[in-house]
Amino acid sequence: MKLNNAISALARKGYQMLEVSTTEAVYNRHFEGKINNYRIVIWSQGEDVSTMRVIPANDHDDTQSDYCAGSFADTIPQLLRFAQVF
């Protein structure tokens, strides 16, 4: 999936981009949830989306126990379904 298509799809659903951060050529785009209890993060390398994830606002990763907060999604519709659960 192309990055611009993913951003456009989320914008049509009412999400706005909060921040863009860059680390090691990976761009993280954080989107605000409609009722602010989760966030959507899209990682990309160049113009291709590599990973999409929905993370509850009160949860975080724990590298010592290999715990990844939230759910990873393959498509935008799946991402939005996961966001409804949180």
Protein backbone atom coordinates (compact mmCIF):
# COMPACT_ATOMS: atom_id res chain seq x y z
CA MET A 1 0.00 0.00 0.00
CA LYS A 2 1.21 3.48 -0.80
CA LEU A 3 1.62 5.92 2.05
CA ASN A 4 -0.39 8.72 0.44
CA ASN A 5 -3.33 6.34 -0.08
CA ALA A 6 -3.26 5.29 3.58
CA ILE A 7 -3.13 8.89 4.80
CA SER A 8 -5.97 9.88 2.46
CA ALA A 9 -8.12 6.94 3.60
CA LEU A 10 -7.69 7.88 7.25
CA ALA A 11 -8.34 11.56 6.52
CA ARG A 12 -11.63 10.64 4.79
CA LYS A 13 -12.64 8.80 7.97
CA GLY A 14 -11.99 11.91 10.08
CA TYR A 15 -8.53 11.19 11.48
CA GLN A 16 -5.92 13.91 11.62
CA MET A 17 -2.17 13.45 11.68
CA LEU A 18 -0.64 14.50 15.00
CA GLU A 19 3.07 14.15 14.37
CA VAL A 20 5.67 12.78 11.99
CA SER A 21 8.93 11.46 13.38
CA THR A 22 11.90 10.02 11.55
CA THR A 23 14.31 7.40 12.80
CA GLU A 24 16.64 5.42 10.56
CA ALA A 25 14.67 6.25 7.39
CA VAL A 26 11.45 4.99 8.97
CA TYR A 27 8.65 7.53 9.14
CA ASN A 28 6.14 7.17 11.96
CA ARG A 29 2.83 8.92 11.47
CA HIS A 30 0.62 9.22 14.53
CA PHE A 31 -3.11 9.77 14.11
CA GLU A 32 -5.55 10.83 16.80
CA GLY A 33 -8.55 8.62 17.51
CA LYS A 34 -12.03 10.04 17.27
CA ILE A 35 -12.52 9.92 21.03
CA ASN A 36 -8.82 10.09 21.96
CA ASN A 37 -8.57 6.69 23.59
CA TYR A 38 -6.23 5.15 21.01
CA ARG A 39 -3.69 6.11 18.43
CA ILE A 40 -2.92 4.79 14.97
CA VAL A 41 0.72 4.56 13.94
CA ILE A 42 1.85 3.98 10.37
CA TRP A 43 5.47 3.12 9.65
CA SER A 44 6.80 3.60 6.16
CA GLN A 45 10.03 3.36 4.27
CA GLY A 46 9.93 5.64 1.28
CA GLU A 47 6.44 5.70 -0.19
CA ASP A 48 5.43 2.18 0.88
CA VAL A 49 3.65 1.43 4.15
CA SER A 50 5.51 -1.24 6.09
CA THR A 51 3.43 -1.52 9.29
CA MET A 52 0.14 -0.19 10.65
CA ARG A 53 -0.82 -0.48 14.30
CA VAL A 54 -3.60 0.60 16.67
CA ILE A 55 -2.45 1.25 20.25
CA PRO A 56 -4.68 2.03 23.25
CA ALA A 57 -3.79 5.40 24.75
CA ASN A 58 -3.03 3.96 28.19
CA ASP A 59 -0.82 1.12 26.90
CA HIS A 60 2.83 1.04 25.90
CA ASP A 61 5.45 -1.43 24.66
CA ASP A 62 7.64 -3.27 27.15
CA THR A 63 10.92 -4.28 25.55
CA GLN A 64 12.04 -6.32 28.56
CA SER A 65 9.14 -8.75 28.20
CA ASP A 66 8.79 -8.50 24.38
CA TYR A 67 5.27 -7.09 24.78
CA CYS A 68 3.93 -5.04 21.87
CA ALA A 69 0.95 -2.91 22.81
CA GLY A 70 -2.02 -2.80 20.48
CA SER A 71 -2.80 -4.68 17.30
CA PHE A 72 -1.07 -4.79 13.94
CA ALA A 73 -3.19 -4.57 10.79
CA ASP A 74 -2.66 -5.47 7.14
CA THR A 75 -5.27 -3.16 5.58
CA ILE A 76 -6.98 0.14 6.39
CA PRO A 77 -10.42 -1.50 6.90
CA GLN A 78 -8.86 -3.97 9.34
CA LEU A 79 -7.06 -1.12 11.09
CA LEU A 80 -10.34 0.77 11.55
CA ARG A 81 -12.09 -2.36 12.87
CA PHE A 82 -9.35 -2.78 15.47
CA ALA A 83 -9.70 0.90 16.40
CA GLN A 84 -13.42 0.37 17.14
CA VAL A 85 -12.50 -2.26 19.76
CA PHE A 86 -10.41 0.21 21.76
